[in-house]
Amino acid sequence: MTGETLEENLSYSSKLRSLSIKCSSLNDKGLQKLLKICKNNLNHLNVSGCNISDSGILHTFYSCENLKSFSFGPTSAEIDCVSLVQYTGKCKINDLDCSYCYNLADIGLHQLLRICGENLTSLDLTFTKISGEIKSIIIPNLVKLNCSMCRNLTDEGLSCLISKCSQTLNHLYITHTKISDNFWSSFKCRLPCISILNLHQCKSFTDIGLLHVFNICGETLKYLNIGYTMVSGDIKARNEILSSIQTLDCVGCSKLADSGLINLVQVCSRRMKNLNIGEHGGRISEKCLQQLENMNLNLLIIKNCCG
């Protein structure tokens, strides 16, 4: 189904507010036909998995003035959003999902943020080519940012992105990236609203970075995933800094042994409820687990779950 012959059959859909189509044959012309019918009231549009190109994205911005959320990746066509330079307006989109748009790089991201950055509260850039090194962007209301599996994401690029929304950001996902301790040690802003931070598979993240994380956002952090990082837990931090952490996930931390785990739990113990250690290949002993139980922290220890 390309969607090119749907106009006559869907006239009753003019009041449609939410539209989700996952059809690999739906193309730009078909989308144009659909939007002609329901553009006035449409608030939510999901065309992930369709055969939509930059032309379809551009037409959507021109057509749907009331759109609040827009998901368009991955698609069968190659989307890089560079041609959006033609669009000179602004849009009201709050939730933008570009995940798995493999050809989306900084030039295209710059155009997207120029168009809808002011109103964005959620931005998903999973598995794109962005480095983040864009200076002139405005995302003052961003609450959720997902840059997981962005292999080109740099320390400097993440700093450029986060510094523009440091006072509002609540969820940050940078799993499977090259973000290192250098980012956390050089980041000049505090993140006073962060409650969820996922660093799973950040192979260049160590105890040094963890200490800086605690200083930057430890007061509000509730969920922290350091699974498969180089954290050993041999750190010193003021207990009051970490008073909000409720869940700590350290599955697959090859350098984490008994003393480091005990130390982390003591640092985070005030409100922590869940500790996920997964299978540590014998580095965490039964004696250590027994010691944790004897600490009477009412802590749920998960030993067989992946991070």
Protein backbone atom coordinates (compact mmCIF):
# COMPACT_ATOMS: atom_id res chain seq x y z
CA MET A 1 0.00 0.00 0.00
CA THR A 2 1.62 3.25 -1.13
CA GLY A 3 -1.24 5.40 0.17
CA GLU A 4 -1.64 7.25 -3.14
CA THR A 5 -5.25 6.11 -3.64
CA LEU A 6 -6.52 6.59 -0.10
CA GLU A 7 -7.84 10.12 -0.35
CA GLU A 8 -11.31 9.14 -1.59
CA ASN A 9 -11.72 6.34 0.97
CA LEU A 10 -10.68 8.18 4.12
CA SER A 11 -12.64 11.40 3.96
CA TYR A 12 -14.26 10.48 7.27
CA SER A 13 -10.86 10.80 8.95
CA SER A 14 -10.72 14.58 8.82
CA LYS A 15 -11.04 14.76 12.63
CA LEU A 16 -8.25 12.25 13.23
CA ARG A 17 -5.87 13.35 16.02
CA SER A 18 -3.45 10.42 16.12
CA LEU A 19 -2.12 8.47 13.14
CA SER A 20 0.35 5.57 13.29
CA ILE A 21 1.22 3.72 10.11
CA LYS A 22 3.91 1.06 9.87
CA CYS A 23 3.80 0.10 6.23
CA SER A 24 7.05 -0.17 4.27
CA SER A 25 5.32 0.74 0.98
CA LEU A 26 3.74 3.99 2.19
CA ASN A 27 5.64 6.68 0.26
CA ASP A 28 5.82 10.47 0.23
CA LYS A 29 2.89 10.86 -2.17
CA GLY A 30 0.74 8.58 -0.06
CA LEU A 31 1.60 10.49 3.09
CA GLN A 32 0.77 13.73 1.33
CA LYS A 33 -2.68 12.37 0.46
CA LEU A 34 -3.29 11.29 4.06
CA LEU A 35 -2.18 14.60 5.54
CA LYS A 36 -4.41 16.50 3.14
CA ILE A 37 -7.35 14.82 4.86
CA CYS A 38 -6.39 15.01 8.53
CA LYS A 39 -3.78 17.78 8.81
CA ASN A 40 -5.98 20.29 10.65
CA ASN A 41 -6.55 18.19 13.78
CA LEU A 42 -3.59 15.83 13.71
CA ASN A 43 -1.52 15.95 16.92
CA HIS A 44 0.45 12.70 16.75
CA LEU A 45 2.05 11.13 13.68
CA ASN A 46 4.14 7.95 13.51
CA VAL A 47 5.45 6.84 10.11
CA SER A 48 8.34 4.72 11.40
CA GLY A 49 9.12 1.89 9.02
CA CYS A 50 7.47 3.57 6.03
CA ASN A 51 9.13 4.59 2.76
CA ILE A 52 9.24 8.28 3.67
CA SER A 53 12.08 10.56 2.54
CA ASP A 54 13.11 14.12 3.38
CA SER A 55 10.37 15.28 1.02
CA GLY A 56 7.71 13.64 3.20
CA ILE A 57 9.21 15.13 6.37
CA LEU A 58 9.25 18.58 4.76
CA HIS A 59 5.62 18.27 3.62
CA THR A 60 4.59 17.22 7.14
CA PHE A 61 6.10 20.37 8.62
CA TYR A 62 4.35 22.51 6.01
CA SER A 63 0.98 20.76 6.47
CA CYS A 64 0.50 19.95 10.14
CA GLU A 65 0.52 23.12 12.21
CA ASN A 66 -0.89 21.39 15.31
CA LEU A 67 1.46 18.40 15.39
CA LYS A 68 2.78 17.64 18.90
CA SER A 69 4.66 14.39 18.36
CA PHE A 70 6.37 13.08 15.25
CA SER A 71 8.16 9.73 14.76
CA PHE A 72 9.75 8.98 11.42
CA GLY A 73 12.61 6.58 11.90
CA PRO A 74 13.66 4.14 10.69
CA THR A 75 12.31 4.40 7.15
CA SER A 76 12.97 2.50 3.92
CA ALA A 77 14.20 5.73 2.32
CA GLU A 78 17.42 7.50 3.27
CA ILE A 79 16.61 10.44 5.53
CA ASP A 80 19.25 13.01 6.41
CA CYS A 81 16.95 16.08 6.83
CA VAL A 82 19.45 18.35 5.07
CA SER A 83 16.78 19.60 2.64
CA LEU A 84 14.76 20.97 5.56
CA VAL A 85 16.79 24.14 5.08
CA GLN A 86 13.95 25.09 2.70
CA TYR A 87 11.52 25.34 5.61
CA THR A 88 11.68 28.74 7.27
CA GLY A 89 8.84 28.36 9.78
CA LYS A 90 8.63 27.00 13.30
CA CYS A 91 6.52 24.12 14.60
CA LYS A 92 4.95 23.14 17.92
CA ILE A 93 6.31 19.60 18.14
CA ASN A 94 7.14 18.47 21.70
CA ASP A 95 8.16 14.87 21.04
CA LEU A 96 10.50 14.11 18.12
CA ASP A 97 11.65 10.55 17.41
CA CYS A 98 14.37 10.18 14.76
CA SER A 99 15.72 6.88 16.10
CA TYR A 100 17.47 4.58 13.64
CA CYS A 101 17.64 7.24 10.93
CA TYR A 102 21.07 5.96 10.00
CA ASN A 103 21.95 8.89 7.72
CA LEU A 104 20.92 11.67 10.09
CA ALA A 105 24.03 13.66 11.00
CA ASP A 106 24.73 17.07 12.54
CA ILE A 107 23.66 19.09 9.49
CA GLY A 108 20.21 17.50 9.46
CA LEU A 109 19.87 17.66 13.24
CA HIS A 110 20.68 21.36 13.11
CA GLN A 111 17.77 21.89 10.72
CA LEU A 112 15.38 19.86 12.86
CA LEU A 113 16.28 21.78 16.01
CA ARG A 114 16.05 25.08 14.19
CA ILE A 115 12.45 24.21 13.28
CA CYS A 116 11.17 22.67 16.50
CA GLY A 117 13.89 22.98 19.15
CA GLU A 118 12.15 25.68 21.18
CA ASN A 119 9.19 23.45 22.08
CA LEU A 120 10.86 20.04 22.29
CA THR A 121 10.56 18.13 25.56
CA SER A 122 11.64 14.73 24.20
CA LEU A 123 14.26 13.96 21.53
CA ASP A 124 15.26 10.45 20.45
CA LEU A 125 18.42 10.23 18.32
CA THR A 126 19.19 6.56 18.89
CA PHE A 127 21.52 5.01 16.31
CA THR A 128 22.03 8.12 14.19
CA LYS A 129 25.29 9.59 12.88
CA ILE A 130 25.19 12.74 14.99
CA SER A 131 28.29 13.91 16.85
CA GLY A 132 26.32 16.62 18.66
CA GLU A 133 28.91 19.28 17.84
CA ILE A 134 26.37 21.96 16.92
CA LYS A 135 26.88 25.36 18.48
CA SER A 136 23.81 27.39 17.55
CA ILE A 137 20.88 25.32 18.83
CA ILE A 138 17.98 26.14 21.13
CA ILE A 139 16.39 23.36 23.20
CA PRO A 140 15.52 25.15 26.45
CA ASN A 141 12.63 22.86 27.45
CA LEU A 142 14.11 19.42 26.73
CA VAL A 143 13.30 16.87 29.44
CA LYS A 144 14.31 13.58 27.78
CA LEU A 145 17.33 13.00 25.51
CA ASN A 146 18.26 9.63 24.05
CA CYS A 147 21.59 9.40 22.22
CA SER A 148 22.09 5.68 22.72
CA MET A 149 24.23 3.89 20.11
CA CYS A 150 25.27 7.18 18.53
CA ARG A 151 28.76 5.94 17.66
CA ASN A 152 29.90 9.38 16.46
CA LEU A 153 28.77 11.20 19.59
CA THR A 154 31.72 13.00 21.18
CA ASP A 155 32.35 14.44 24.63
CA GLU A 156 32.29 17.92 23.12
CA GLY A 157 29.10 17.17 21.19
CA LEU A 158 27.22 15.89 24.22
CA SER A 159 28.34 18.98 26.11
CA CYS A 160 26.94 21.18 23.31
CA LEU A 161 23.57 19.42 23.50
CA ILE A 162 23.18 19.18 27.26
CA SER A 163 24.40 22.67 28.04
CA LYS A 164 21.37 23.99 26.13
CA CYS A 165 18.90 22.15 28.38
CA SER A 166 20.81 21.67 31.63
CA GLN A 167 18.07 23.23 33.78
CA THR A 168 15.25 21.02 32.46
CA LEU A 169 16.81 17.67 31.48
CA ASN A 170 15.39 14.78 33.51
CA HIS A 171 16.18 11.62 31.48
CA LEU A 172 19.53 11.03 29.73
CA TYR A 173 20.37 7.86 27.82
CA ILE A 174 23.87 7.57 26.29
CA THR A 175 24.29 3.80 26.25
CA HIS A 176 26.79 2.15 23.88
CA THR A 177 28.61 5.45 23.18
CA LYS A 178 32.21 6.64 23.47
CA ILE A 179 31.38 9.24 26.12
CA SER A 180 34.25 9.23 28.58
CA ASP A 181 35.28 10.59 31.96
CA ASN A 182 36.51 13.70 30.15
CA PHE A 183 32.95 14.80 29.43
CA TRP A 184 31.91 14.61 33.07
CA SER A 185 35.10 16.22 34.38
CA SER A 186 34.92 19.15 31.95
CA PHE A 187 31.16 19.76 32.04
CA LYS A 188 30.68 23.14 33.72
CA CYS A 189 26.93 23.07 34.45
CA ARG A 190 24.96 21.27 37.10
CA LEU A 191 22.01 19.10 36.09
CA PRO A 192 19.53 19.88 38.87
CA CYS A 193 16.62 17.87 37.44
CA ILE A 194 18.24 14.61 36.29
CA SER A 195 16.52 11.56 37.79
CA ILE A 196 17.41 8.86 35.22
CA LEU A 197 20.93 8.38 33.82
CA ASN A 198 21.78 5.35 31.70
CA LEU A 199 25.49 4.83 30.92
CA HIS A 200 25.20 1.13 30.02
CA GLN A 201 28.13 -0.04 27.86
CA CYS A 202 30.03 3.25 28.06
CA LYS A 203 33.41 1.52 28.00
CA SER A 204 35.40 4.70 28.70
CA PHE A 205 33.53 5.49 31.92
CA THR A 206 35.40 4.82 35.18
CA ASP A 207 35.34 5.76 38.87
CA ILE A 208 36.65 9.22 37.97
CA GLY A 209 33.60 9.89 35.82
CA LEU A 210 31.30 8.44 38.47
CA LEU A 211 32.54 10.90 41.07
CA HIS A 212 31.83 13.79 38.70
CA VAL A 213 28.35 12.38 37.97
CA PHE A 214 27.64 12.39 41.70
CA ASN A 215 28.75 16.01 41.97
CA ILE A 216 26.81 17.16 38.90
CA CYS A 217 23.47 15.43 39.49
CA GLY A 218 23.74 13.18 42.55
CA GLU A 219 21.18 15.15 44.55
CA THR A 220 18.27 14.27 42.23
CA LEU A 221 19.43 11.00 40.62
CA LYS A 222 17.00 8.13 41.25
CA TYR A 223 18.07 5.57 38.63
CA LEU A 224 21.69 5.01 37.62
CA ASN A 225 22.85 2.35 35.17
CA ILE A 226 26.62 1.84 35.04
CA GLY A 227 26.42 -1.69 33.61
CA TYR A 228 29.38 -2.88 31.53
CA THR A 229 31.46 0.20 32.34
CA MET A 230 34.94 0.29 33.91
CA VAL A 231 33.67 1.33 37.36
CA SER A 232 35.33 -0.48 40.27
CA GLY A 233 33.46 1.29 43.07
CA ASP A 234 36.63 2.37 44.89
CA ILE A 235 35.52 5.95 45.37
CA LYS A 236 34.94 8.39 48.17
CA ALA A 237 31.81 10.54 48.09
CA ARG A 238 29.74 12.38 50.64
CA ASN A 239 26.73 10.23 51.49
CA GLU A 240 24.33 13.17 51.42
CA ILE A 241 25.13 13.81 47.75
CA LEU A 242 23.50 10.53 46.78
CA SER A 243 20.48 10.62 49.00
CA SER A 244 18.01 10.17 46.12
CA ILE A 245 19.32 7.06 44.30
CA GLN A 246 16.74 4.27 44.44
CA THR A 247 18.00 1.88 41.76
CA LEU A 248 21.61 1.07 40.93
CA ASP A 249 22.34 -1.21 37.97
CA CYS A 250 25.92 -2.46 37.73
CA VAL A 251 25.49 -5.62 35.65
CA GLY A 252 28.67 -6.70 33.86
CA CYS A 253 31.07 -4.30 35.60
CA SER A 254 34.18 -6.46 35.22
CA LYS A 255 36.25 -4.35 37.63
CA LEU A 256 33.62 -4.31 40.38
CA ALA A 257 34.51 -6.66 43.25
CA ASP A 258 33.32 -7.10 46.83
CA SER A 259 34.91 -4.01 48.39
CA GLY A 260 33.81 -1.72 45.55
CA LEU A 261 30.22 -2.98 45.63
CA ILE A 262 29.99 -2.58 49.40
CA ASN A 263 31.37 0.94 49.07
CA LEU A 264 28.87 1.92 46.35
CA VAL A 265 25.96 0.57 48.37
CA GLN A 266 27.08 2.47 51.46
CA VAL A 267 27.41 5.68 49.46
CA CYS A 268 23.94 5.26 47.94
CA SER A 269 22.21 3.48 50.79
CA ARG A 270 19.91 6.16 52.17
CA ARG A 271 17.00 5.51 49.78
CA MET A 272 18.25 2.70 47.54
CA LYS A 273 15.72 -0.07 47.02
CA ASN A 274 17.04 -2.05 44.06
CA LEU A 275 20.54 -3.29 43.26
CA ASN A 276 21.11 -5.21 40.03
CA ILE A 277 24.45 -7.02 39.92
CA GLY A 278 23.61 -9.69 37.34
CA GLU A 279 26.10 -12.50 36.87
CA HIS A 280 29.54 -11.27 37.89
CA GLY A 281 31.49 -14.41 37.09
CA GLY A 282 32.49 -14.92 40.71
CA ARG A 283 33.88 -11.43 41.37
CA ILE A 284 31.02 -10.76 43.80
CA SER A 285 31.19 -13.40 46.49
CA GLU A 286 28.42 -14.96 48.52
CA LYS A 287 30.12 -13.48 51.58
CA CYS A 288 29.66 -10.01 50.11
CA LEU A 289 25.99 -10.65 49.37
CA GLN A 290 25.51 -11.90 52.92
CA GLN A 291 27.17 -8.75 54.23
CA LEU A 292 24.76 -6.64 52.19
CA GLU A 293 21.82 -8.54 53.67
CA ASN A 294 23.16 -8.00 57.16
CA MET A 295 23.22 -4.25 56.59
CA ASN A 296 19.39 -4.27 56.94
CA LEU A 297 18.82 -1.89 54.05
CA ASN A 298 15.63 -3.60 52.82
CA LEU A 299 17.47 -3.86 49.51
CA LEU A 300 16.24 -6.04 46.65
CA ILE A 301 19.33 -7.64 45.10
CA ILE A 302 18.81 -8.86 41.53
CA LYS A 303 21.40 -11.41 40.47
CA ASN A 304 20.17 -12.85 37.19
CA CYS A 305 18.89 -9.94 35.12
CA CYS A 306 20.68 -8.12 32.29
CA GLY A 307 21.07 -4.34 32.50
